[in-house]
């Protein structure tokens, strides 16, 4: 894990704002980790080398569990401060463990779309989801995450949770997102929206970035200019 990229002072102390890292030798860290304002979830079957640094950077406790007996947590699940949604094949024991550990609502989303982390873009104000989610799925997402839900695409991609990331302080999205879409995202998510890349030009933001309002983890191939844009877009500086 490589870090020490941006520092700022809070109450007279210096702390890490953006950490550049890899998990299991892979710079696509958003595949493996899900984070919100209140919690983060990592697999319990594949341990990272510096869990405490992740917790300190994001300012949250980490719950270790699998989703559907898989370690790709960031791909399969989506959540915010109010709750978490998981695919139909998530096990009862995984769901009950998350509920006990975090005291949040957790529910399965029915249907053929099971990569919820790639198809739901959400913060504590709104969720934008894949256009093909059913009405039943939309209702569960809305009730569980306690937000209004809109169907849509970003930069002509229905994988809205993959091409963008949304915190309560900013939205960072695919570089081909046009101005009209940026204005819509800013209005609906109630926070500024801008474009960028991660991991040396990758437009799939969420794959290489995990963030909340307290800090961010970026893939270790992310360049200096990309880190600067992440900090600006998510108001981390």
Protein backbone atom coordinates (compact mmCIF):
# COMPACT_ATOMS: atom_id res chain seq x y z
CA UNK A 1 0.00 0.00 0.00
CA UNK A 2 1.51 3.33 -1.11
CA UNK A 3 0.40 6.59 0.43
CA UNK A 4 1.36 10.03 1.79
CA UNK A 5 -0.10 12.15 -0.99
CA UNK A 6 -2.17 14.94 0.48
CA UNK A 7 -2.09 16.26 4.03
CA UNK A 8 -4.11 18.89 5.80
CA UNK A 9 -4.47 20.14 9.32
CA UNK A 10 -7.48 19.39 11.47
CA UNK A 11 -7.48 20.68 15.05
CA UNK A 12 -3.73 21.13 14.90
CA UNK A 13 -3.00 17.65 13.51
CA UNK A 14 -1.88 16.42 10.11
CA UNK A 15 -3.70 13.50 8.57
CA UNK A 16 -4.02 11.75 5.22
CA UNK A 17 -6.76 13.02 2.90
CA UNK A 18 -6.09 10.92 -0.20
CA UNK A 19 -4.28 7.60 -0.02
CA UNK A 20 -2.94 5.97 -3.17
CA UNK A 21 -3.04 2.22 -2.77
CA UNK A 22 -3.67 -1.20 -4.25
CA UNK A 23 -5.47 -4.23 -2.87
CA UNK A 24 -4.07 -7.69 -3.60
CA UNK A 25 -1.70 -6.09 -6.12
CA UNK A 26 -4.60 -4.55 -8.04
CA UNK A 27 -5.09 -0.80 -8.51
CA UNK A 28 -8.84 -1.24 -9.09
CA UNK A 29 -9.54 -0.83 -5.40
CA UNK A 30 -13.20 0.12 -5.83
CA UNK A 31 -13.90 -3.44 -6.89
CA UNK A 32 -13.07 -4.71 -3.41
CA UNK A 33 -14.17 -1.95 -1.02
CA UNK A 34 -17.45 -0.13 -0.37
CA UNK A 35 -17.49 3.00 1.78
CA UNK A 36 -20.09 5.50 2.98
CA UNK A 37 -20.09 8.30 5.53
CA UNK A 38 -20.72 5.82 8.35
CA UNK A 39 -19.12 2.51 7.41
CA UNK A 40 -16.95 0.54 5.02
CA UNK A 41 -17.20 -3.11 3.98
CA UNK A 42 -14.35 -5.39 2.92
CA UNK A 43 -14.16 -9.11 2.32
CA UNK A 44 -13.32 -11.36 5.25
CA UNK A 45 -11.79 -13.96 2.94
CA UNK A 46 -9.04 -11.78 1.46
CA UNK A 47 -7.36 -9.51 4.00
CA UNK A 48 -5.65 -6.23 3.11
CA UNK A 49 -2.30 -5.43 4.67
CA UNK A 50 -3.18 -2.12 6.31
CA UNK A 51 -6.79 -2.06 7.43
CA UNK A 52 -6.12 0.65 10.03
CA UNK A 53 -4.88 3.10 7.40
CA UNK A 54 -8.08 2.64 5.40
CA UNK A 55 -10.16 3.24 8.53
CA UNK A 56 -8.20 6.37 9.43
CA UNK A 57 -8.32 7.79 5.91
CA UNK A 58 -12.08 7.33 5.53
CA UNK A 59 -12.85 7.96 9.20
CA UNK A 60 -15.09 4.89 9.50
CA UNK A 61 -14.99 1.40 10.96
CA UNK A 62 -14.60 -1.51 8.55
CA UNK A 63 -16.92 -4.50 8.63
CA UNK A 64 -15.37 -7.61 7.12
CA UNK A 65 -17.73 -9.97 5.32
CA UNK A 66 -18.40 -11.34 1.87
CA UNK A 67 -21.39 -10.63 -0.35
CA UNK A 68 -22.80 -13.74 -1.99
CA UNK A 69 -19.64 -15.52 -0.79
CA UNK A 70 -17.63 -13.19 -3.05
CA UNK A 71 -14.88 -10.70 -2.18
CA UNK A 72 -15.80 -8.10 -4.86
CA UNK A 73 -17.84 -6.03 -2.42
CA UNK A 74 -17.67 -2.77 -4.35
CA UNK A 75 -19.11 -4.40 -7.47
CA UNK A 76 -21.97 -6.28 -5.81
CA UNK A 77 -23.31 -3.90 -3.14
CA UNK A 78 -24.34 -0.25 -2.91
CA UNK A 79 -25.15 1.84 0.13
CA UNK A 80 -25.25 5.13 1.98
CA UNK A 81 -25.62 6.24 5.58
CA UNK A 82 -29.16 4.88 5.77
CA UNK A 83 -28.75 1.39 4.39
CA UNK A 84 -27.27 -1.16 2.05
CA UNK A 85 -28.65 -3.07 -0.93
CA UNK A 86 -27.25 -6.43 -2.01
CA UNK A 87 -27.96 -8.89 -4.84
CA UNK A 88 -30.43 -11.75 -4.49
CA UNK A 89 -27.68 -14.31 -3.95
CA UNK A 90 -26.33 -12.61 -0.79
CA UNK A 91 -26.63 -15.13 2.01
CA UNK A 92 -28.83 -14.78 5.10
CA UNK A 93 -25.82 -15.01 7.39
CA UNK A 94 -24.02 -12.18 5.53
CA UNK A 95 -27.07 -9.93 5.72
CA UNK A 96 -27.67 -10.62 9.40
CA UNK A 97 -24.02 -10.02 10.24
CA UNK A 98 -24.03 -6.63 8.48
CA UNK A 99 -27.26 -5.64 10.22
CA UNK A 100 -25.86 -6.55 13.64
CA UNK A 101 -22.51 -4.88 13.01
CA UNK A 102 -23.78 -1.61 11.53
CA UNK A 103 -27.36 -1.26 12.75
CA UNK A 104 -28.56 -0.35 9.27
CA UNK A 105 -31.23 -1.61 6.92
CA UNK A 106 -30.04 -4.27 4.46
CA UNK A 107 -32.19 -5.76 1.72
CA UNK A 108 -31.86 -7.82 -1.44
CA UNK A 109 -32.68 -6.26 -4.80
CA UNK A 110 -34.53 -8.68 -7.09
CA UNK A 111 -33.92 -9.10 -10.81
CA UNK A 112 -31.21 -9.97 -13.29
CA UNK A 113 -29.03 -6.97 -12.42
CA UNK A 114 -26.79 -8.13 -9.59
CA UNK A 115 -23.72 -5.88 -9.88
CA UNK A 116 -25.40 -3.21 -7.76
CA UNK A 117 -22.19 -1.30 -7.08
CA UNK A 118 -21.72 -0.81 -10.81
CA UNK A 119 -25.34 0.13 -11.51
CA UNK A 120 -26.29 2.39 -8.59
CA UNK A 121 -24.73 5.82 -8.00
CA UNK A 122 -25.78 7.04 -4.57
CA UNK A 123 -25.01 9.46 -1.77
CA UNK A 124 -27.19 10.50 1.17
CA UNK A 125 -29.36 12.70 -1.09
CA UNK A 126 -30.19 10.68 -4.22
CA UNK A 127 -29.69 7.49 -6.21
CA UNK A 128 -29.24 7.27 -9.98
CA UNK A 129 -29.66 3.70 -11.24
CA UNK A 130 -29.43 1.53 -14.35
CA UNK A 131 -32.41 2.18 -16.66
CA UNK A 132 -33.45 -1.49 -16.63
CA UNK A 133 -34.11 -1.81 -12.91
CA UNK A 134 -37.69 -2.97 -12.32
CA UNK A 135 -40.29 -1.01 -10.38
CA UNK A 136 -39.97 -3.53 -7.54
CA UNK A 137 -36.20 -3.01 -7.45
CA UNK A 138 -36.59 0.78 -7.51
CA UNK A 139 -38.99 0.62 -4.56
CA UNK A 140 -36.56 -1.47 -2.50
CA UNK A 141 -33.64 0.84 -3.31
CA UNK A 142 -35.69 3.91 -2.43
CA UNK A 143 -36.99 2.53 0.86
CA UNK A 144 -33.72 0.98 1.96
CA UNK A 145 -31.43 3.90 1.14
CA UNK A 146 -34.04 6.54 2.02
CA UNK A 147 -33.49 8.59 -1.13
CA UNK A 148 -35.34 9.48 -4.30
CA UNK A 149 -34.35 7.21 -7.18
CA UNK A 150 -33.98 8.11 -10.86
CA UNK A 151 -33.21 5.84 -13.79
CA UNK A 152 -30.59 7.12 -16.22
CA UNK A 153 -27.18 6.89 -17.88
CA UNK A 154 -23.95 8.85 -17.68
CA UNK A 155 -21.85 9.45 -20.81
CA UNK A 156 -24.17 7.01 -22.59
CA UNK A 157 -23.32 4.26 -20.11
CA UNK A 158 -25.98 2.58 -17.94
CA UNK A 159 -23.20 1.55 -15.52
CA UNK A 160 -23.72 4.74 -13.53
CA UNK A 161 -22.14 3.34 -10.37
CA UNK A 162 -18.99 2.46 -12.28
CA UNK A 163 -18.39 5.62 -14.32
CA UNK A 164 -18.92 8.02 -11.40
CA UNK A 165 -18.62 8.38 -7.64
CA UNK A 166 -20.84 10.53 -5.43
CA UNK A 167 -20.17 11.74 -1.89
CA UNK A 168 -22.10 14.37 0.04
CA UNK A 169 -19.44 16.90 -1.02
CA UNK A 170 -19.09 16.19 -4.73
CA UNK A 171 -19.65 14.02 -7.78
CA UNK A 172 -16.71 12.96 -9.96
CA UNK A 173 -17.73 11.44 -13.26
CA UNK A 174 -16.63 10.10 -16.65
CA UNK A 175 -14.67 12.65 -18.74
CA UNK A 176 -17.22 12.49 -21.59
CA UNK A 177 -20.08 13.64 -19.35
CA UNK A 178 -21.56 16.73 -21.00
CA UNK A 179 -22.40 20.03 -19.29
CA UNK A 180 -26.13 19.35 -19.25
CA UNK A 181 -25.59 16.07 -17.43
CA UNK A 182 -23.16 17.70 -14.99
CA UNK A 183 -25.76 20.33 -14.15
CA UNK A 184 -28.39 17.63 -13.60
CA UNK A 185 -26.08 15.60 -11.37
CA UNK A 186 -25.16 18.67 -9.35
CA UNK A 187 -28.79 19.67 -8.86
CA UNK A 188 -30.11 16.22 -7.99
CA UNK A 189 -27.25 15.05 -5.80
CA UNK A 190 -27.16 18.48 -4.15
CA UNK A 191 -23.41 18.86 -4.58
CA UNK A 192 -20.99 20.07 -7.30
CA UNK A 193 -20.27 17.68 -10.18
CA UNK A 194 -17.17 17.57 -12.37
CA UNK A 195 -15.25 15.24 -14.66
CA UNK A 196 -12.01 13.32 -14.18
CA UNK A 197 -10.19 10.01 -14.46
CA UNK A 198 -8.30 7.59 -12.21
CA UNK A 199 -5.42 5.14 -12.60
CA UNK A 200 -3.69 7.04 -15.42
CA UNK A 201 -6.67 7.82 -17.61
CA UNK A 202 -9.29 5.24 -16.65
CA UNK A 203 -12.75 6.85 -17.09
CA UNK A 204 -14.43 4.27 -14.82
CA UNK A 205 -14.07 6.40 -11.71
CA UNK A 206 -15.62 4.10 -9.12
CA UNK A 207 -13.42 1.17 -10.13
CA UNK A 208 -10.30 3.02 -9.01
CA UNK A 209 -11.61 5.30 -6.26
CA UNK A 210 -13.33 4.92 -2.89
CA UNK A 211 -14.29 8.08 -1.03
CA UNK A 212 -16.48 9.89 1.46
CA UNK A 213 -16.38 13.46 2.80
CA UNK A 214 -13.47 12.61 5.14
CA UNK A 215 -10.99 11.12 2.70
CA UNK A 216 -10.36 9.00 -0.36
CA UNK A 217 -8.46 5.95 -1.51
CA UNK A 218 -7.25 6.03 -5.12
CA UNK A 219 -5.65 3.26 -7.15
CA UNK A 220 -1.87 3.34 -7.05
CA UNK A 221 -1.62 4.12 -10.77
CA UNK A 222 -3.49 7.41 -10.25
CA UNK A 223 -1.37 10.36 -11.36
CA UNK A 224 -0.65 13.63 -9.58
CA UNK A 225 -3.00 15.69 -11.78
CA UNK A 226 -5.74 13.08 -11.26
CA UNK A 227 -5.25 13.25 -7.50
CA UNK A 228 -5.52 17.02 -7.62
CA UNK A 229 -8.79 16.78 -9.56
CA UNK A 230 -10.17 14.20 -7.12
CA UNK A 231 -9.38 16.50 -4.22
CA UNK A 232 -11.00 19.47 -5.96
CA UNK A 233 -14.09 17.59 -7.15
CA UNK A 234 -14.81 15.94 -3.81
CA UNK A 235 -13.81 18.97 -1.75
CA UNK A 236 -11.07 17.12 0.10
CA UNK A 237 -8.52 19.94 0.14
